[in-house]
N, C-alpha and C. Protein backbone atom coordinates (compact mmCIF):
# COMPACT_ATOMS: atom_id res chain seq x y z
N MET A 1 4.34 -18.12 -17.29
CA MET A 1 3.19 -18.72 -16.64
C MET A 1 2.21 -19.20 -17.72
N ILE A 2 1.62 -20.38 -17.48
CA ILE A 2 0.68 -20.97 -18.40
C ILE A 2 -0.75 -20.83 -17.86
N LEU A 3 -1.68 -20.40 -18.71
CA LEU A 3 -3.09 -20.33 -18.37
C LEU A 3 -3.88 -21.22 -19.33
N PHE A 4 -4.97 -21.81 -18.82
CA PHE A 4 -5.86 -22.61 -19.64
C PHE A 4 -7.24 -21.98 -19.64
N ALA A 5 -7.91 -22.02 -20.78
CA ALA A 5 -9.28 -21.52 -20.89
C ALA A 5 -10.06 -22.45 -21.83
N SER A 6 -11.28 -22.81 -21.43
CA SER A 6 -12.08 -23.72 -22.25
C SER A 6 -12.97 -22.94 -23.20
N LEU A 7 -13.16 -23.50 -24.38
CA LEU A 7 -14.04 -22.93 -25.39
C LEU A 7 -14.72 -24.09 -26.09
N GLY A 8 -15.90 -24.47 -25.58
CA GLY A 8 -16.59 -25.64 -26.12
C GLY A 8 -15.76 -26.90 -25.90
N GLU A 9 -15.39 -27.56 -26.98
CA GLU A 9 -14.60 -28.79 -26.89
C GLU A 9 -13.10 -28.52 -26.81
N LYS A 10 -12.71 -27.27 -26.95
CA LYS A 10 -11.28 -26.92 -26.99
C LYS A 10 -10.79 -26.38 -25.65
N LEU A 11 -9.60 -26.82 -25.25
CA LEU A 11 -8.92 -26.25 -24.10
C LEU A 11 -7.74 -25.45 -24.64
N GLN A 12 -7.85 -24.16 -24.56
CA GLN A 12 -6.82 -23.26 -25.09
C GLN A 12 -5.74 -23.04 -24.04
N GLN A 13 -4.50 -23.11 -24.48
CA GLN A 13 -3.36 -22.87 -23.60
C GLN A 13 -2.73 -21.54 -23.99
N TYR A 14 -2.53 -20.67 -22.99
CA TYR A 14 -1.96 -19.36 -23.24
C TYR A 14 -0.69 -19.18 -22.41
N TYR A 15 0.27 -18.51 -22.99
CA TYR A 15 1.45 -18.10 -22.24
C TYR A 15 1.21 -16.69 -21.73
N LEU A 16 1.33 -16.50 -20.43
CA LEU A 16 1.10 -15.20 -19.80
C LEU A 16 2.43 -14.52 -19.54
N ASP A 17 2.63 -13.40 -20.18
CA ASP A 17 3.81 -12.56 -19.95
C ASP A 17 3.41 -11.49 -18.95
N ILE A 18 3.78 -11.72 -17.68
CA ILE A 18 3.35 -10.82 -16.61
C ILE A 18 3.96 -9.43 -16.77
N ASP A 19 5.23 -9.38 -17.14
CA ASP A 19 5.91 -8.08 -17.24
C ASP A 19 5.26 -7.17 -18.28
N ASN A 20 4.84 -7.79 -19.39
CA ASN A 20 4.26 -6.98 -20.47
C ASN A 20 2.73 -7.05 -20.51
N ALA A 21 2.14 -7.80 -19.56
CA ALA A 21 0.68 -7.92 -19.46
C ALA A 21 0.06 -8.37 -20.78
N THR A 22 0.63 -9.46 -21.34
CA THR A 22 0.12 -9.97 -22.61
C THR A 22 -0.15 -11.47 -22.50
N LEU A 23 -1.07 -11.94 -23.36
CA LEU A 23 -1.38 -13.37 -23.48
C LEU A 23 -1.07 -13.80 -24.91
N ARG A 24 -0.47 -15.00 -25.02
CA ARG A 24 -0.19 -15.54 -26.35
C ARG A 24 -0.68 -16.98 -26.41
N LEU A 25 -1.57 -17.25 -27.38
CA LEU A 25 -2.06 -18.62 -27.56
C LEU A 25 -0.91 -19.51 -27.99
N SER A 26 -0.66 -20.59 -27.22
CA SER A 26 0.49 -21.44 -27.51
C SER A 26 0.10 -22.86 -27.92
N ALA A 27 -1.10 -23.33 -27.55
CA ALA A 27 -1.50 -24.68 -27.92
C ALA A 27 -3.00 -24.83 -27.68
N THR A 28 -3.59 -25.84 -28.34
CA THR A 28 -5.00 -26.15 -28.17
C THR A 28 -5.17 -27.65 -28.07
N THR A 29 -5.91 -28.11 -27.07
CA THR A 29 -6.24 -29.52 -26.92
C THR A 29 -7.73 -29.68 -27.13
N ARG A 30 -8.12 -30.62 -27.98
CA ARG A 30 -9.53 -30.83 -28.29
C ARG A 30 -10.04 -32.10 -27.61
N LEU A 31 -11.14 -31.99 -26.88
CA LEU A 31 -11.79 -33.14 -26.27
C LEU A 31 -12.97 -33.58 -27.13
N PRO A 32 -13.49 -34.79 -26.90
CA PRO A 32 -14.61 -35.27 -27.73
C PRO A 32 -15.87 -34.44 -27.60
N VAL A 33 -16.12 -33.89 -26.40
CA VAL A 33 -17.32 -33.11 -26.13
C VAL A 33 -16.94 -31.89 -25.30
N SER A 34 -17.90 -31.02 -25.02
CA SER A 34 -17.62 -29.73 -24.39
C SER A 34 -17.08 -29.87 -22.96
N ILE A 35 -16.08 -29.09 -22.68
CA ILE A 35 -15.45 -29.10 -21.36
C ILE A 35 -16.37 -28.43 -20.35
N GLN A 36 -16.51 -29.06 -19.19
CA GLN A 36 -17.34 -28.52 -18.11
C GLN A 36 -16.49 -27.91 -16.99
N PHE A 37 -15.40 -28.61 -16.64
CA PHE A 37 -14.54 -28.12 -15.56
C PHE A 37 -13.22 -28.87 -15.62
N ALA A 38 -12.18 -28.26 -15.05
CA ALA A 38 -10.86 -28.90 -15.00
C ALA A 38 -10.16 -28.52 -13.71
N ALA A 39 -9.32 -29.43 -13.21
CA ALA A 39 -8.55 -29.17 -12.00
C ALA A 39 -7.23 -29.94 -12.07
N ALA A 40 -6.16 -29.28 -11.63
CA ALA A 40 -4.84 -29.91 -11.62
C ALA A 40 -4.55 -30.52 -10.25
N ASP A 41 -3.69 -31.53 -10.23
CA ASP A 41 -3.25 -32.06 -8.94
C ASP A 41 -2.26 -31.08 -8.32
N GLN A 42 -1.87 -31.36 -7.06
CA GLN A 42 -1.03 -30.41 -6.32
C GLN A 42 0.34 -30.20 -6.94
N THR A 43 0.82 -31.19 -7.70
CA THR A 43 2.13 -31.07 -8.32
C THR A 43 2.08 -30.29 -9.63
N ARG A 44 0.88 -29.99 -10.11
CA ARG A 44 0.67 -29.32 -11.39
C ARG A 44 1.20 -30.15 -12.56
N LYS A 45 1.25 -31.45 -12.39
CA LYS A 45 1.74 -32.32 -13.46
C LYS A 45 0.63 -33.02 -14.22
N ILE A 46 -0.55 -33.14 -13.59
CA ILE A 46 -1.68 -33.82 -14.23
C ILE A 46 -2.93 -32.95 -14.12
N LEU A 47 -3.63 -32.85 -15.24
CA LEU A 47 -4.87 -32.08 -15.29
C LEU A 47 -6.03 -33.03 -15.51
N TYR A 48 -7.05 -32.91 -14.67
CA TYR A 48 -8.25 -33.75 -14.77
C TYR A 48 -9.39 -32.90 -15.33
N ILE A 49 -10.12 -33.45 -16.30
CA ILE A 49 -11.15 -32.70 -17.00
C ILE A 49 -12.43 -33.52 -17.07
N VAL A 50 -13.57 -32.87 -16.80
CA VAL A 50 -14.86 -33.49 -17.07
C VAL A 50 -15.48 -32.77 -18.26
N SER A 51 -16.13 -33.55 -19.13
CA SER A 51 -16.71 -32.99 -20.35
C SER A 51 -18.03 -33.69 -20.65
N SER A 52 -18.87 -33.03 -21.45
CA SER A 52 -20.21 -33.58 -21.71
C SER A 52 -20.81 -32.88 -22.92
N ASN A 53 -21.72 -33.59 -23.60
CA ASN A 53 -22.48 -32.96 -24.69
C ASN A 53 -23.90 -32.63 -24.26
N ALA A 54 -24.15 -32.64 -22.95
CA ALA A 54 -25.47 -32.26 -22.44
C ALA A 54 -25.64 -30.75 -22.49
N GLY A 55 -26.89 -30.30 -22.48
CA GLY A 55 -27.17 -28.89 -22.43
C GLY A 55 -27.00 -28.36 -21.02
N SER A 56 -26.89 -27.06 -20.90
CA SER A 56 -26.72 -26.45 -19.58
C SER A 56 -28.06 -26.14 -18.95
N GLY A 57 -28.04 -25.90 -17.65
CA GLY A 57 -29.25 -25.52 -16.95
C GLY A 57 -30.18 -26.68 -16.64
N THR A 58 -31.27 -26.36 -15.97
CA THR A 58 -32.23 -27.38 -15.55
C THR A 58 -32.93 -28.04 -16.72
N LEU A 59 -33.21 -27.28 -17.77
CA LEU A 59 -33.99 -27.79 -18.88
C LEU A 59 -33.13 -28.20 -20.07
N GLY A 60 -31.82 -28.24 -19.91
CA GLY A 60 -30.93 -28.61 -20.99
C GLY A 60 -31.06 -30.08 -21.37
N SER A 61 -30.71 -30.42 -22.61
CA SER A 61 -30.77 -31.81 -23.05
C SER A 61 -29.81 -32.66 -22.23
N LYS A 62 -30.14 -33.92 -22.03
CA LYS A 62 -29.33 -34.80 -21.18
C LYS A 62 -28.05 -35.25 -21.86
N GLY A 63 -28.02 -35.28 -23.18
CA GLY A 63 -26.83 -35.71 -23.88
C GLY A 63 -26.58 -37.20 -23.72
N ASP A 64 -25.53 -37.70 -24.40
CA ASP A 64 -25.24 -39.13 -24.31
C ASP A 64 -23.76 -39.44 -24.12
N THR A 65 -22.93 -38.40 -23.98
CA THR A 65 -21.50 -38.62 -23.78
C THR A 65 -21.00 -37.72 -22.66
N HIS A 66 -20.54 -38.35 -21.57
CA HIS A 66 -20.08 -37.63 -20.39
C HIS A 66 -18.78 -38.32 -19.93
N LEU A 67 -17.69 -37.56 -19.82
CA LEU A 67 -16.38 -38.17 -19.65
C LEU A 67 -15.58 -37.53 -18.52
N LEU A 68 -14.74 -38.36 -17.89
CA LEU A 68 -13.70 -37.91 -16.97
C LEU A 68 -12.37 -38.32 -17.59
N SER A 69 -11.49 -37.34 -17.83
CA SER A 69 -10.23 -37.60 -18.53
C SER A 69 -9.06 -37.06 -17.72
N ALA A 70 -7.89 -37.64 -17.94
CA ALA A 70 -6.65 -37.19 -17.30
C ALA A 70 -5.62 -36.89 -18.38
N PHE A 71 -4.86 -35.81 -18.18
CA PHE A 71 -3.81 -35.41 -19.11
C PHE A 71 -2.54 -35.08 -18.32
N LYS A 72 -1.41 -35.56 -18.81
CA LYS A 72 -0.13 -35.14 -18.25
C LYS A 72 0.22 -33.77 -18.82
N MET A 73 0.83 -32.93 -17.98
CA MET A 73 1.26 -31.62 -18.43
C MET A 73 2.78 -31.60 -18.53
N ASP A 74 3.28 -31.28 -19.70
CA ASP A 74 4.72 -31.16 -19.86
C ASP A 74 5.23 -30.03 -18.98
N PRO A 75 6.20 -30.28 -18.07
CA PRO A 75 6.62 -29.24 -17.12
C PRO A 75 7.23 -28.02 -17.78
N ALA A 76 7.79 -28.18 -18.96
CA ALA A 76 8.45 -27.05 -19.61
C ALA A 76 7.50 -26.24 -20.46
N THR A 77 6.61 -26.93 -21.17
CA THR A 77 5.74 -26.24 -22.14
C THR A 77 4.28 -26.18 -21.72
N GLY A 78 3.87 -27.06 -20.80
CA GLY A 78 2.46 -27.13 -20.42
C GLY A 78 1.60 -27.89 -21.40
N ILE A 79 2.20 -28.43 -22.46
CA ILE A 79 1.46 -29.20 -23.46
C ILE A 79 0.81 -30.40 -22.78
N LEU A 80 -0.45 -30.71 -23.15
CA LEU A 80 -1.20 -31.79 -22.53
C LEU A 80 -1.08 -33.07 -23.35
N ILE A 81 -0.86 -34.19 -22.64
CA ILE A 81 -0.75 -35.50 -23.26
C ILE A 81 -1.74 -36.43 -22.58
N VAL A 82 -2.58 -37.12 -23.35
CA VAL A 82 -3.57 -38.03 -22.79
C VAL A 82 -2.91 -39.03 -21.86
N HIS A 83 -3.50 -39.20 -20.67
CA HIS A 83 -2.90 -40.07 -19.65
C HIS A 83 -3.93 -41.11 -19.22
N GLY A 84 -3.90 -42.27 -19.86
CA GLY A 84 -4.85 -43.33 -19.54
C GLY A 84 -6.17 -43.14 -20.27
N GLU A 85 -7.05 -44.13 -20.10
CA GLU A 85 -8.35 -44.11 -20.75
C GLU A 85 -9.31 -43.15 -20.06
N ALA A 86 -10.11 -42.45 -20.86
CA ALA A 86 -11.18 -41.64 -20.30
C ALA A 86 -12.25 -42.56 -19.71
N VAL A 87 -12.90 -42.09 -18.66
CA VAL A 87 -13.94 -42.87 -17.98
C VAL A 87 -15.30 -42.27 -18.32
N ARG A 88 -16.23 -43.13 -18.71
CA ARG A 88 -17.59 -42.65 -18.99
C ARG A 88 -18.35 -42.41 -17.69
N LEU A 89 -19.10 -41.32 -17.66
CA LEU A 89 -19.89 -40.94 -16.50
C LEU A 89 -21.38 -41.07 -16.83
N PRO A 90 -22.24 -41.17 -15.80
CA PRO A 90 -23.65 -41.43 -16.06
C PRO A 90 -24.45 -40.24 -16.58
N GLU A 91 -23.97 -39.02 -16.33
CA GLU A 91 -24.71 -37.83 -16.75
C GLU A 91 -23.75 -36.66 -16.79
N ARG A 92 -24.27 -35.48 -17.10
CA ARG A 92 -23.43 -34.29 -17.21
C ARG A 92 -22.75 -33.97 -15.88
N PRO A 93 -21.41 -33.94 -15.86
CA PRO A 93 -20.70 -33.50 -14.67
C PRO A 93 -20.51 -31.98 -14.72
N ILE A 94 -20.80 -31.29 -13.64
CA ILE A 94 -20.70 -29.83 -13.65
C ILE A 94 -19.43 -29.33 -12.95
N HIS A 95 -18.85 -30.17 -12.09
CA HIS A 95 -17.67 -29.74 -11.32
C HIS A 95 -16.89 -30.96 -10.87
N LEU A 96 -15.57 -30.80 -10.72
CA LEU A 96 -14.76 -31.84 -10.09
C LEU A 96 -13.68 -31.20 -9.25
N SER A 97 -13.20 -31.94 -8.27
CA SER A 97 -12.08 -31.51 -7.44
C SER A 97 -11.33 -32.73 -6.95
N LEU A 98 -10.12 -32.51 -6.46
CA LEU A 98 -9.32 -33.58 -5.89
C LEU A 98 -9.28 -33.43 -4.38
N ASP A 99 -9.13 -34.56 -3.68
CA ASP A 99 -8.93 -34.45 -2.24
C ASP A 99 -7.51 -33.97 -1.99
N GLN A 100 -7.16 -33.72 -0.73
CA GLN A 100 -5.87 -33.11 -0.41
C GLN A 100 -4.68 -34.04 -0.66
N THR A 101 -4.91 -35.33 -0.80
CA THR A 101 -3.84 -36.28 -1.07
C THR A 101 -3.70 -36.61 -2.55
N ALA A 102 -4.62 -36.08 -3.37
CA ALA A 102 -4.67 -36.38 -4.80
C ALA A 102 -4.80 -37.88 -5.06
N ARG A 103 -5.51 -38.57 -4.17
CA ARG A 103 -5.79 -39.99 -4.37
C ARG A 103 -7.21 -40.23 -4.87
N TYR A 104 -8.05 -39.19 -4.79
CA TYR A 104 -9.45 -39.32 -5.19
C TYR A 104 -9.89 -38.09 -5.95
N VAL A 105 -10.76 -38.30 -6.94
CA VAL A 105 -11.39 -37.19 -7.64
C VAL A 105 -12.89 -37.25 -7.38
N LEU A 106 -13.45 -36.13 -6.94
CA LEU A 106 -14.87 -36.03 -6.62
C LEU A 106 -15.57 -35.26 -7.72
N ILE A 107 -16.76 -35.71 -8.12
CA ILE A 107 -17.50 -35.12 -9.22
C ILE A 107 -18.91 -34.78 -8.76
N ALA A 108 -19.38 -33.60 -9.15
CA ALA A 108 -20.74 -33.16 -8.84
C ALA A 108 -21.59 -33.18 -10.11
N TYR A 109 -22.84 -33.63 -9.95
CA TYR A 109 -23.80 -33.72 -11.08
C TYR A 109 -24.99 -32.84 -10.75
N ASN A 110 -25.28 -31.87 -11.62
CA ASN A 110 -26.32 -30.91 -11.29
C ASN A 110 -27.73 -31.46 -11.48
N GLN A 111 -27.97 -32.28 -12.51
CA GLN A 111 -29.33 -32.73 -12.78
C GLN A 111 -29.86 -33.65 -11.69
N SER A 112 -29.06 -34.62 -11.27
CA SER A 112 -29.53 -35.57 -10.25
C SER A 112 -29.22 -35.11 -8.83
N GLY A 113 -28.37 -34.08 -8.68
CA GLY A 113 -28.01 -33.61 -7.34
C GLY A 113 -27.22 -34.65 -6.56
N THR A 114 -26.29 -35.31 -7.23
CA THR A 114 -25.50 -36.37 -6.59
C THR A 114 -24.02 -36.11 -6.77
N LEU A 115 -23.22 -36.97 -6.14
CA LEU A 115 -21.76 -36.92 -6.22
C LEU A 115 -21.24 -38.31 -6.53
N SER A 116 -20.04 -38.38 -7.12
CA SER A 116 -19.35 -39.65 -7.25
C SER A 116 -17.88 -39.45 -6.94
N VAL A 117 -17.21 -40.54 -6.62
CA VAL A 117 -15.78 -40.50 -6.28
C VAL A 117 -15.06 -41.58 -7.05
N HIS A 118 -13.99 -41.20 -7.73
CA HIS A 118 -13.13 -42.16 -8.42
C HIS A 118 -11.76 -42.19 -7.74
N HIS A 119 -11.21 -43.39 -7.64
CA HIS A 119 -9.85 -43.53 -7.14
C HIS A 119 -8.88 -43.04 -8.21
N ILE A 120 -7.76 -42.45 -7.80
CA ILE A 120 -6.69 -42.07 -8.72
C ILE A 120 -5.54 -43.05 -8.54
N ASN A 121 -5.13 -43.67 -9.63
CA ASN A 121 -4.05 -44.64 -9.56
C ASN A 121 -2.73 -43.99 -9.18
N ALA A 122 -1.76 -44.82 -8.79
CA ALA A 122 -0.47 -44.30 -8.33
C ALA A 122 0.23 -43.47 -9.40
N ASN A 123 -0.01 -43.78 -10.67
CA ASN A 123 0.62 -43.02 -11.75
C ASN A 123 -0.18 -41.80 -12.17
N GLY A 124 -1.28 -41.53 -11.47
CA GLY A 124 -2.10 -40.36 -11.76
C GLY A 124 -3.24 -40.60 -12.72
N SER A 125 -3.31 -41.77 -13.32
CA SER A 125 -4.44 -42.07 -14.20
C SER A 125 -5.69 -42.35 -13.38
N ILE A 126 -6.84 -42.38 -14.04
CA ILE A 126 -8.11 -42.53 -13.35
C ILE A 126 -8.38 -43.99 -13.05
N GLY A 127 -8.71 -44.28 -11.80
CA GLY A 127 -8.99 -45.64 -11.36
C GLY A 127 -10.47 -45.92 -11.27
N LYS A 128 -10.80 -46.85 -10.41
CA LYS A 128 -12.18 -47.35 -10.34
C LYS A 128 -13.11 -46.38 -9.61
N LEU A 129 -14.38 -46.51 -9.91
CA LEU A 129 -15.43 -45.78 -9.20
C LEU A 129 -15.64 -46.44 -7.84
N LEU A 130 -15.69 -45.63 -6.78
CA LEU A 130 -15.93 -46.16 -5.45
C LEU A 130 -17.43 -46.28 -5.21
N THR A 131 -17.85 -47.43 -4.73
CA THR A 131 -19.25 -47.63 -4.38
C THR A 131 -19.51 -47.02 -3.01
N GLN A 132 -20.52 -46.14 -2.94
CA GLN A 132 -20.86 -45.48 -1.69
C GLN A 132 -21.87 -46.32 -0.92
N PRO A 133 -21.79 -46.32 0.43
CA PRO A 133 -22.70 -47.14 1.23
C PRO A 133 -24.17 -46.78 1.04
N LYS A 134 -24.44 -45.48 0.80
CA LYS A 134 -25.82 -45.02 0.63
C LYS A 134 -25.88 -44.06 -0.55
N PRO A 135 -27.06 -43.91 -1.17
CA PRO A 135 -27.21 -42.91 -2.23
C PRO A 135 -26.87 -41.51 -1.69
N ILE A 136 -26.21 -40.72 -2.52
CA ILE A 136 -25.76 -39.39 -2.09
C ILE A 136 -26.79 -38.33 -2.48
N ASP A 137 -27.27 -37.59 -1.49
CA ASP A 137 -28.15 -36.44 -1.72
C ASP A 137 -27.32 -35.19 -1.49
N ALA A 138 -26.99 -34.49 -2.58
CA ALA A 138 -26.17 -33.28 -2.48
C ALA A 138 -26.97 -32.03 -2.82
N GLY A 139 -28.28 -32.08 -2.60
CA GLY A 139 -29.11 -30.92 -2.82
C GLY A 139 -29.63 -30.79 -4.24
N ILE A 140 -30.36 -29.73 -4.49
CA ILE A 140 -31.00 -29.50 -5.79
C ILE A 140 -30.09 -28.64 -6.67
N PHE A 141 -29.76 -29.15 -7.84
CA PHE A 141 -28.81 -28.54 -8.78
C PHE A 141 -27.46 -28.33 -8.09
N THR A 142 -26.83 -29.44 -7.76
CA THR A 142 -25.49 -29.40 -7.15
C THR A 142 -24.53 -28.69 -8.09
N HIS A 143 -23.75 -27.77 -7.54
CA HIS A 143 -22.91 -26.92 -8.38
C HIS A 143 -21.42 -27.09 -8.12
N GLN A 144 -21.03 -27.59 -6.94
CA GLN A 144 -19.61 -27.71 -6.62
C GLN A 144 -19.44 -28.72 -5.50
N VAL A 145 -18.29 -29.41 -5.50
CA VAL A 145 -17.92 -30.27 -4.38
C VAL A 145 -16.43 -30.09 -4.12
N THR A 146 -16.06 -29.92 -2.86
CA THR A 146 -14.66 -29.77 -2.47
C THR A 146 -14.41 -30.54 -1.17
N VAL A 147 -13.15 -30.84 -0.93
CA VAL A 147 -12.74 -31.48 0.32
C VAL A 147 -12.00 -30.44 1.16
N THR A 148 -12.33 -30.35 2.42
CA THR A 148 -11.73 -29.35 3.30
C THR A 148 -10.23 -29.61 3.48
N PRO A 149 -9.47 -28.59 3.89
CA PRO A 149 -8.02 -28.76 4.03
C PRO A 149 -7.60 -29.91 4.93
N GLY A 150 -8.39 -30.25 5.93
CA GLY A 150 -8.05 -31.37 6.81
C GLY A 150 -8.29 -32.72 6.17
N ASN A 151 -8.96 -32.75 5.03
CA ASN A 151 -9.22 -33.96 4.24
C ASN A 151 -10.16 -34.95 4.92
N LYS A 152 -10.94 -34.47 5.86
CA LYS A 152 -11.87 -35.35 6.57
C LYS A 152 -13.33 -35.03 6.26
N THR A 153 -13.56 -33.94 5.53
CA THR A 153 -14.92 -33.49 5.26
C THR A 153 -15.04 -33.03 3.82
N ALA A 154 -16.15 -33.38 3.18
CA ALA A 154 -16.45 -32.87 1.84
C ALA A 154 -17.68 -31.99 1.93
N ILE A 155 -17.67 -30.89 1.18
CA ILE A 155 -18.79 -29.95 1.18
C ILE A 155 -19.28 -29.76 -0.25
N ALA A 156 -20.57 -30.00 -0.45
CA ALA A 156 -21.19 -29.80 -1.76
C ALA A 156 -22.19 -28.66 -1.66
N LEU A 157 -22.15 -27.75 -2.62
CA LEU A 157 -23.08 -26.63 -2.65
C LEU A 157 -24.12 -26.86 -3.74
N SER A 158 -25.38 -26.63 -3.41
CA SER A 158 -26.45 -26.71 -4.41
C SER A 158 -27.10 -25.35 -4.53
N ARG A 159 -27.30 -24.91 -5.74
CA ARG A 159 -27.83 -23.55 -5.95
C ARG A 159 -29.34 -23.49 -5.84
N GLY A 160 -30.05 -24.65 -5.99
CA GLY A 160 -31.50 -24.64 -6.05
C GLY A 160 -31.97 -24.13 -7.41
N ASN A 161 -33.26 -23.82 -7.53
CA ASN A 161 -33.83 -23.30 -8.78
C ASN A 161 -34.84 -22.21 -8.45
N ASN A 162 -34.89 -21.20 -9.30
CA ASN A 162 -35.90 -20.16 -9.15
C ASN A 162 -37.29 -20.72 -9.45
N SER A 163 -38.30 -20.06 -8.90
CA SER A 163 -39.67 -20.46 -9.22
C SER A 163 -39.98 -20.07 -10.67
N ILE A 164 -40.65 -20.96 -11.38
CA ILE A 164 -41.01 -20.71 -12.78
C ILE A 164 -42.49 -21.01 -12.96
N GLN A 165 -43.25 -20.01 -13.39
CA GLN A 165 -44.69 -20.14 -13.59
C GLN A 165 -45.34 -20.73 -12.33
N ASN A 166 -45.90 -21.93 -12.42
CA ASN A 166 -46.58 -22.52 -11.27
C ASN A 166 -45.68 -23.39 -10.40
N ARG A 167 -44.40 -23.50 -10.78
CA ARG A 167 -43.49 -24.34 -10.00
C ARG A 167 -42.84 -23.52 -8.90
N PRO A 168 -42.92 -23.95 -7.65
CA PRO A 168 -42.34 -23.18 -6.56
C PRO A 168 -40.81 -23.22 -6.61
N GLU A 169 -40.19 -22.32 -5.89
CA GLU A 169 -38.73 -22.25 -5.82
C GLU A 169 -38.16 -23.51 -5.15
N ASP A 170 -37.06 -24.03 -5.69
CA ASP A 170 -36.29 -25.08 -5.03
C ASP A 170 -35.16 -24.41 -4.27
N LEU A 171 -35.11 -24.60 -2.97
CA LEU A 171 -34.12 -23.92 -2.14
C LEU A 171 -32.74 -24.53 -2.31
N GLY A 172 -31.73 -23.67 -2.33
CA GLY A 172 -30.35 -24.13 -2.35
C GLY A 172 -29.94 -24.66 -0.98
N SER A 173 -28.78 -25.31 -0.92
CA SER A 173 -28.35 -25.90 0.34
C SER A 173 -26.84 -26.08 0.40
N ILE A 174 -26.34 -26.21 1.63
CA ILE A 174 -24.95 -26.61 1.88
C ILE A 174 -25.01 -28.03 2.43
N ASN A 175 -24.28 -28.95 1.79
CA ASN A 175 -24.36 -30.36 2.13
C ASN A 175 -23.00 -30.86 2.59
N ILE A 176 -22.93 -31.34 3.82
CA ILE A 176 -21.65 -31.69 4.44
C ILE A 176 -21.59 -33.20 4.66
N PHE A 177 -20.45 -33.78 4.26
CA PHE A 177 -20.24 -35.21 4.36
C PHE A 177 -18.91 -35.50 5.07
N ALA A 178 -18.89 -36.56 5.87
CA ALA A 178 -17.62 -37.08 6.32
C ALA A 178 -16.93 -37.72 5.12
N PHE A 179 -15.61 -37.54 5.04
CA PHE A 179 -14.84 -38.08 3.91
C PHE A 179 -13.73 -38.97 4.45
N ASN A 180 -13.78 -40.24 4.12
CA ASN A 180 -12.79 -41.20 4.63
C ASN A 180 -12.41 -42.17 3.52
N GLN A 181 -11.21 -41.99 2.97
CA GLN A 181 -10.70 -42.85 1.91
C GLN A 181 -11.71 -43.00 0.76
N GLY A 182 -12.26 -41.87 0.37
CA GLY A 182 -13.17 -41.85 -0.76
C GLY A 182 -14.62 -42.12 -0.43
N VAL A 183 -14.90 -42.53 0.79
CA VAL A 183 -16.28 -42.84 1.20
C VAL A 183 -16.93 -41.58 1.77
N LEU A 184 -18.13 -41.26 1.28
CA LEU A 184 -18.89 -40.11 1.74
C LEU A 184 -20.02 -40.54 2.67
N THR A 185 -20.06 -39.95 3.86
CA THR A 185 -21.12 -40.25 4.83
C THR A 185 -21.86 -38.96 5.14
N PRO A 186 -23.16 -38.86 4.87
CA PRO A 186 -23.89 -37.61 5.12
C PRO A 186 -23.83 -37.20 6.58
N LEU A 187 -23.55 -35.90 6.81
CA LEU A 187 -23.54 -35.36 8.17
C LEU A 187 -24.67 -34.38 8.39
N ILE A 188 -24.78 -33.37 7.52
CA ILE A 188 -25.80 -32.36 7.71
C ILE A 188 -26.11 -31.68 6.38
N GLN A 189 -27.37 -31.30 6.20
CA GLN A 189 -27.79 -30.51 5.04
C GLN A 189 -28.41 -29.22 5.56
N ILE A 190 -27.83 -28.10 5.19
CA ILE A 190 -28.29 -26.79 5.64
C ILE A 190 -29.04 -26.12 4.49
N GLU A 191 -30.34 -25.99 4.64
CA GLU A 191 -31.16 -25.38 3.60
C GLU A 191 -31.05 -23.87 3.69
N MET A 192 -30.86 -23.20 2.54
CA MET A 192 -30.67 -21.76 2.53
C MET A 192 -32.02 -21.04 2.50
N GLU A 193 -31.98 -19.76 2.80
CA GLU A 193 -33.19 -18.93 2.72
C GLU A 193 -33.57 -18.72 1.26
N SER A 194 -34.79 -18.34 1.05
CA SER A 194 -35.28 -18.08 -0.30
C SER A 194 -34.43 -17.02 -0.99
N GLY A 195 -34.10 -17.27 -2.25
CA GLY A 195 -33.34 -16.31 -3.03
C GLY A 195 -31.84 -16.44 -2.91
N ILE A 196 -31.37 -17.36 -2.06
CA ILE A 196 -29.92 -17.56 -1.88
C ILE A 196 -29.55 -18.92 -2.42
N GLY A 197 -28.75 -18.95 -3.49
CA GLY A 197 -28.33 -20.20 -4.10
C GLY A 197 -26.82 -20.30 -4.12
N PRO A 198 -26.20 -20.95 -3.14
CA PRO A 198 -24.73 -21.02 -3.10
C PRO A 198 -24.16 -21.80 -4.28
N ARG A 199 -23.04 -21.33 -4.80
CA ARG A 199 -22.43 -21.98 -5.97
C ARG A 199 -20.98 -22.37 -5.72
N HIS A 200 -20.20 -21.49 -5.09
CA HIS A 200 -18.78 -21.75 -4.96
C HIS A 200 -18.30 -21.47 -3.53
N LEU A 201 -17.39 -22.34 -3.08
CA LEU A 201 -16.78 -22.22 -1.77
C LEU A 201 -15.27 -22.25 -1.95
N ALA A 202 -14.56 -21.36 -1.23
CA ALA A 202 -13.11 -21.32 -1.30
C ALA A 202 -12.55 -21.36 0.12
N TYR A 203 -11.35 -21.88 0.28
CA TYR A 203 -10.73 -22.02 1.59
C TYR A 203 -9.53 -21.06 1.71
N HIS A 204 -9.38 -20.49 2.90
CA HIS A 204 -8.23 -19.62 3.15
C HIS A 204 -6.95 -20.45 3.03
N PRO A 205 -5.90 -19.91 2.41
CA PRO A 205 -4.69 -20.71 2.17
C PRO A 205 -3.92 -21.11 3.42
N THR A 206 -4.12 -20.39 4.53
CA THR A 206 -3.33 -20.72 5.74
C THR A 206 -4.19 -20.97 6.98
N LYS A 207 -5.35 -20.33 7.08
CA LYS A 207 -6.16 -20.47 8.27
C LYS A 207 -7.10 -21.66 8.16
N ALA A 208 -7.17 -22.46 9.22
CA ALA A 208 -8.03 -23.64 9.22
C ALA A 208 -9.48 -23.22 9.37
């Protein structure tokens, strides 16, 4: 079994020996800037990575290099091979996910609280950015975006921000969008109670 772990600009590949409960470093892939998140398609043949040189948190530096990249994974060794040109993004991406058909990649941006969607080409490389009908409001400090198993709805979680000195608390929220061929249409924004900042959502593997 192959495991990946990010360390700054490096994506470390480890071989997991389950029987002996050991990890062995087998390869390292270096990106131009620090890795933020990665997700594989359903076939486990292509890995999509977002990276950025921006600082973390609300007060982090904005940086000037933000990328969406695709890598082919060798089925035997797991070695990563660059697959197509990396796409420049407007700001630090904090999370990405694929829809259930692996035709679109969705990206969440924490500073602006927005989302973007890129088409995935037939060969798995990154395609064009889809223009959304309206500006996307995904809450304050958007932390994750996923598409539901039925592939008709996207859910973005925003953690909000704690109160600091004279600045009041920014409430977290759950933001639900209709999802149709890469187009996001706002449905509902559920504001959370004070002190609750949702970050991650997971779906049951069999129950709808």
